[in-house]
C-alpha atoms as a PDB file:
ATOM      1  CA  MET A   1     -20.058 -10.719  20.088  1.00  0.00           C
ATOM      2  CA  THR A   2     -21.715 -10.862  16.728  1.00  0.00           C
ATOM      3  CA  ILE A   3     -20.973 -12.018  13.183  1.00  0.00           C
ATOM      4  CA  PRO A   4     -22.224 -10.267  10.022  1.00  0.00           C
ATOM      5  CA  LYS A   5     -25.049 -12.282   8.457  1.00  0.00           C
ATOM      6  CA  PRO A   6     -23.387 -12.573   5.001  1.00  0.00           C
ATOM      7  CA  LEU A   7     -20.452 -14.361   6.653  1.00  0.00           C
ATOM      8  CA  VAL A   8     -22.781 -16.750   8.471  1.00  0.00           C
ATOM      9  CA  GLN A   9     -24.544 -17.452   5.170  1.00  0.00           C
ATOM     10  CA  THR A  10     -21.199 -18.071   3.469  1.00  0.00           C
ATOM     11  CA  ASN A  11     -20.382 -20.672   6.105  1.00  0.00           C
ATOM     12  CA  GLN A  12     -23.805 -22.280   5.673  1.00  0.00           C
ATOM     13  CA  ALA A  13     -23.321 -22.400   1.882  1.00  0.00           C
ATOM     14  CA  PHE A  14     -19.864 -23.944   2.389  1.00  0.00           C
ATOM     15  CA  ILE A  15     -21.401 -26.672   4.541  1.00  0.00           C
ATOM     16  CA  VAL A  16     -24.216 -27.375   2.078  1.00  0.00           C
ATOM     17  CA  LEU A  17     -21.929 -27.477  -0.972  1.00  0.00           C
ATOM     18  CA  SER A  18     -19.140 -29.497   0.627  1.00  0.00           C
ATOM     19  CA  VAL A  19     -21.510 -32.112   2.052  1.00  0.00           C
ATOM     20  CA  ILE A  20     -23.387 -32.458  -1.254  1.00  0.00           C
ATOM     21  CA  LEU A  21     -20.082 -32.833  -3.120  1.00  0.00           C
ATOM     22  CA  ALA A  22     -19.009 -35.478  -0.611  1.00  0.00           C
ATOM     23  CA  LEU A  23     -22.217 -37.436  -1.028  1.00  0.00           C
ATOM     24  CA  VAL A  24     -22.027 -37.260  -4.817  1.00  0.00           C
ATOM     25  CA  PHE A  25     -18.302 -37.863  -5.348  1.00  0.00           C
ATOM     26  CA  HIS A  26     -16.560 -39.372  -2.325  1.00  0.00           C
ATOM     27  CA  LYS A  27     -17.595 -39.656   1.317  1.00  0.00           C
ATOM     28  CA  ALA A  28     -14.064 -38.808   2.503  1.00  0.00           C
ATOM     29  CA  LEU A  29     -14.751 -35.213   1.414  1.00  0.00           C
ATOM     30  CA  LEU A  30     -16.919 -34.978   4.539  1.00  0.00           C
ATOM     31  CA  LEU A  31     -13.632 -34.603   6.373  1.00  0.00           C
ATOM     32  CA  LEU A  32     -13.373 -31.021   5.052  1.00  0.00           C
ATOM     33  CA  PRO A  33     -16.490 -29.536   6.723  1.00  0.00           C
ATOM     34  CA  PHE A  34     -15.892 -31.790   9.736  1.00  0.00           C
ATOM     35  CA  ALA A  35     -12.306 -30.504  10.131  1.00  0.00           C
ATOM     36  CA  VAL A  36     -13.474 -26.902   9.746  1.00  0.00           C
ATOM     37  CA  GLY A  37     -16.100 -27.562  12.420  1.00  0.00           C
ATOM     38  CA  VAL A  38     -13.624 -29.134  14.846  1.00  0.00           C
ATOM     39  CA  TYR A  39     -11.159 -26.278  14.278  1.00  0.00           C
ATOM     40  CA  THR A  40     -13.931 -23.709  14.792  1.00  0.00           C
ATOM     41  CA  LEU A  41     -15.082 -25.294  18.037  1.00  0.00           C
ATOM     42  CA  ALA A  42     -11.530 -25.667  19.341  1.00  0.00           C
ATOM     43  CA  THR A  43     -10.420 -22.115  18.518  1.00  0.00           C
ATOM     44  CA  LYS A  44     -13.767 -20.269  18.480  1.00  0.00           C
ATOM     45  CA  SER A  45     -12.673 -18.920  15.084  1.00  0.00           C
ATOM     46  CA  ASN A  46     -14.163 -20.171  11.824  1.00  0.00           C
ATOM     47  CA  PRO A  47     -11.642 -20.193   8.928  1.00  0.00           C
ATOM     48  CA  VAL A  48     -14.401 -19.909   6.304  1.00  0.00           C
ATOM     49  CA  ILE A  49     -15.772 -16.803   8.001  1.00  0.00           C
ATOM     50  CA  ARG A  50     -12.299 -15.357   8.579  1.00  0.00           C
ATOM     51  CA  PHE A  51     -11.378 -15.854   4.907  1.00  0.00           C
ATOM     52  CA  SER A  52     -14.702 -14.489   3.644  1.00  0.00           C
ATOM     53  CA  LYS A  53     -14.495 -11.327   5.757  1.00  0.00           C
ATOM     54  CA  ARG A  54     -12.204  -9.708   3.159  1.00  0.00           C
ATOM     55  CA  PHE A  55     -15.002  -9.832   0.568  1.00  0.00           C
ATOM     56  CA  LEU A  56     -17.469  -7.712   2.539  1.00  0.00           C
ATOM     57  CA  LYS A  57     -18.245  -4.539   0.622  1.00  0.00           C
ATOM     58  CA  ARG A  58     -19.159  -2.501   3.706  1.00  0.00           C
ATOM     59  CA  PRO A  59     -17.855  -2.332   7.278  1.00  0.00           C
ATOM     60  CA  PRO A  60     -18.771  -5.547   9.154  1.00  0.00           C
ATOM     61  CA  MET A  61     -21.010  -3.775  11.693  1.00  0.00           C
ATOM     62  CA  SER A  62     -23.166  -2.260   8.923  1.00  0.00           C
ATOM     63  CA  TYR A  63     -24.678  -5.695   8.187  1.00  0.00           C
ATOM     64  CA  ILE A  64     -27.385  -7.501  10.156  1.00  0.00           C
ATOM     65  CA  GLN A  65     -25.560  -9.290  12.959  1.00  0.00           C
ATOM     66  CA  GLU A  66     -25.898 -12.898  14.110  1.00  0.00           C
ATOM     67  CA  ASP A  67     -25.135 -14.058  17.651  1.00  0.00           C
ATOM     68  CA  ARG A  68     -21.702 -15.700  17.940  1.00  0.00           C
ATOM     69  CA  ASP A  69     -22.759 -18.093  20.705  1.00  0.00           C
ATOM     70  CA  GLN A  70     -25.720 -19.241  18.615  1.00  0.00           C
ATOM     71  CA  GLN A  71     -23.411 -19.871  15.661  1.00  0.00           C
ATOM     72  CA  LEU A  72     -21.083 -21.923  17.854  1.00  0.00           C
ATOM     73  CA  PHE A  73     -24.068 -23.941  19.088  1.00  0.00           C
ATOM     74  CA  ASN A  74     -25.121 -24.561  15.485  1.00  0.00           C
ATOM     75  CA  GLN A  75     -21.536 -25.535  14.633  1.00  0.00           C
ATOM     76  CA  TRP A  76     -21.588 -28.098  17.456  1.00  0.00           C
ATOM     77  CA  ILE A  77     -24.718 -29.698  16.008  1.00  0.00           C
ATOM     78  CA  ALA A  78     -23.324 -29.778  12.455  1.00  0.00           C
ATOM     79  CA  THR A  79     -19.921 -31.099  13.555  1.00  0.00           C
ATOM     80  CA  ILE A  80     -21.415 -33.865  15.692  1.00  0.00           C
ATOM     81  CA  CYS A  81     -23.720 -34.920  12.855  1.00  0.00           C
ATOM     82  CA  LEU A  82     -20.857 -34.875  10.333  1.00  0.00           C
ATOM     83  CA  GLY A  83     -18.663 -36.866  12.717  1.00  0.00           C
ATOM     84  CA  LEU A  84     -21.399 -39.455  13.170  1.00  0.00           C
ATOM     85  CA  SER A  85     -21.877 -39.566   9.418  1.00  0.00           C
ATOM     86  CA  LEU A  86     -18.161 -40.251   8.896  1.00  0.00           C
ATOM     87  CA  VAL A  87     -18.208 -43.003  11.527  1.00  0.00           C
ATOM     88  CA  PHE A  88     -21.284 -44.633  10.020  1.00  0.00           C
ATOM     89  CA  PHE A  89     -19.807 -44.564   6.515  1.00  0.00           C
ATOM     90  CA  ALA A  90     -16.504 -45.964   7.825  1.00  0.00           C
ATOM     91  CA  PHE A  91     -18.262 -48.918   9.481  1.00  0.00           C
ATOM     92  CA  GLY A  92     -20.501 -49.646   6.516  1.00  0.00           C
ATOM     93  CA  PHE A  93     -23.741 -48.237   7.923  1.00  0.00           C
ATOM     94  CA  THR A  94     -24.367 -46.325   4.702  1.00  0.00           C
ATOM     95  CA  ALA A  95     -28.008 -45.442   5.331  1.00  0.00           C
ATOM     96  CA  MET A  96     -27.158 -43.853   8.699  1.00  0.00           C
ATOM     97  CA  GLY A  97     -24.208 -42.040   7.131  1.00  0.00           C
ATOM     98  CA  TYR A  98     -26.496 -40.544   4.514  1.00  0.00           C
ATOM     99  CA  ALA A  99     -29.145 -39.724   7.115  1.00  0.00           C
ATOM    100  CA  PHE A 100     -26.776 -37.638   9.253  1.00  0.00           C
ATOM    101  CA  SER A 101     -25.209 -35.954   6.224  1.00  0.00           C
ATOM    102  CA  ILE A 102     -28.599 -35.086   4.787  1.00  0.00           C
ATOM    103  CA  MET A 103     -29.722 -33.675   8.163  1.00  0.00           C
ATOM    104  CA  VAL A 104     -26.763 -31.276   8.034  1.00  0.00           C
ATOM    105  CA  VAL A 105     -27.539 -30.251   4.444  1.00  0.00           C
ATOM    106  CA  LEU A 106     -31.212 -29.708   5.268  1.00  0.00           C
ATOM    107  CA  ALA A 107     -30.510 -27.711   8.430  1.00  0.00           C
ATOM    108  CA  ALA A 108     -27.926 -25.471   6.740  1.00  0.00           C
ATOM    109  CA  GLY A 109     -30.079 -25.174   3.622  1.00  0.00           C
ATOM    110  CA  VAL A 110     -33.162 -24.182   5.600  1.00  0.00           C
ATOM    111  CA  ALA A 111     -31.018 -21.678   7.541  1.00  0.00           C
ATOM    112  CA  LEU A 112     -29.982 -20.126   4.227  1.00  0.00           C
ATOM    113  CA  LEU A 113     -33.681 -19.698   3.505  1.00  0.00           C
ATOM    114  CA  GLY A 114     -34.201 -17.926   6.814  1.00  0.00           C
ATOM    115  CA  TYR A 115     -35.218 -20.491   9.448  1.00  0.00           C
ATOM    116  CA  CYS A 116     -32.618 -21.622  11.970  1.00  0.00           C
ATOM    117  CA  ILE A 117     -33.367 -25.076  13.368  1.00  0.00           C
ATOM    118  CA  GLY A 118     -30.422 -24.809  15.786  1.00  0.00           C
ATOM    119  CA  CYS A 119     -31.831 -21.530  17.082  1.00  0.00           C
ATOM    120  CA  THR A 120     -35.135 -23.219  17.885  1.00  0.00           C
ATOM    121  CA  ILE A 121     -33.365 -26.087  19.653  1.00  0.00           C
ATOM    122  CA  ARG A 122     -31.216 -23.700  21.699  1.00  0.00           C
ATOM    123  CA  TYR A 123     -34.173 -21.480  22.561  1.00  0.00           C
ATOM    124  CA  ARG A 124     -36.228 -24.478  23.755  1.00  0.00           C
ATOM    125  CA  TYR A 125     -33.277 -25.720  25.808  1.00  0.00           C
ATOM    126  CA  MET A 126     -32.735 -22.306  27.406  1.00  0.00           C
ATOM    127  CA  MET A 127     -36.461 -22.007  28.219  1.00  0.00           C
ATOM    128  CA  TRP A 128     -36.442 -25.504  29.727  1.00  0.00           C
ATOM    129  CA  LYS A 129     -33.466 -24.540  31.942  1.00  0.00           C
ATOM    130  CA  HIS A 130     -35.142 -21.286  32.949  1.00  0.00           C
ATOM    131  CA  ASN A 131     -38.450 -22.959  33.823  1.00  0.00           C
ATOM    132  CA  ARG A 132     -36.671 -25.690  35.733  1.00  0.00           C
ATOM    133  CA  ALA A 133     -34.692 -23.130  37.762  1.00  0.00           C
ATOM    134  CA  LYS A 134     -37.854 -21.116  38.377  1.00  0.00           C
ATOM    135  CA  ALA A 135     -39.744 -24.200  39.591  1.00  0.00           C
ATOM    136  CA  ALA A 136     -36.883 -25.070  41.979  1.00  0.00           C
ATOM    137  CA  ASN A 137     -37.247 -21.707  43.771  1.00  0.00           C
END
């Protein structure tokens, strides 16, 4: 399955904006992108993408498509980092909380510019598994 690229970019922009707002105004706002991430991973359906679909000007398949499994992998990374950030802020480890939040903003921001860090990580992992399986034969 695939997802139209404008919807993926909308989700990335949501993550960037919500995390920046949380860091500027109140750390508890990190619960919003974290909750969306948990919901997405649990249901395999992203509410930001579902809501944004109605604003597409053309049929969904007429846009460049992004791999759904890759997007779920990226969502795992973002959700784990946001969860760690929330835990660190809750226990007073402010620097670590900022570090994990900023990693999410940077990764989603760079993805908006065209380079997917999660894609590179997943590709390297898949190649490692493939080479390991090949060496075992």
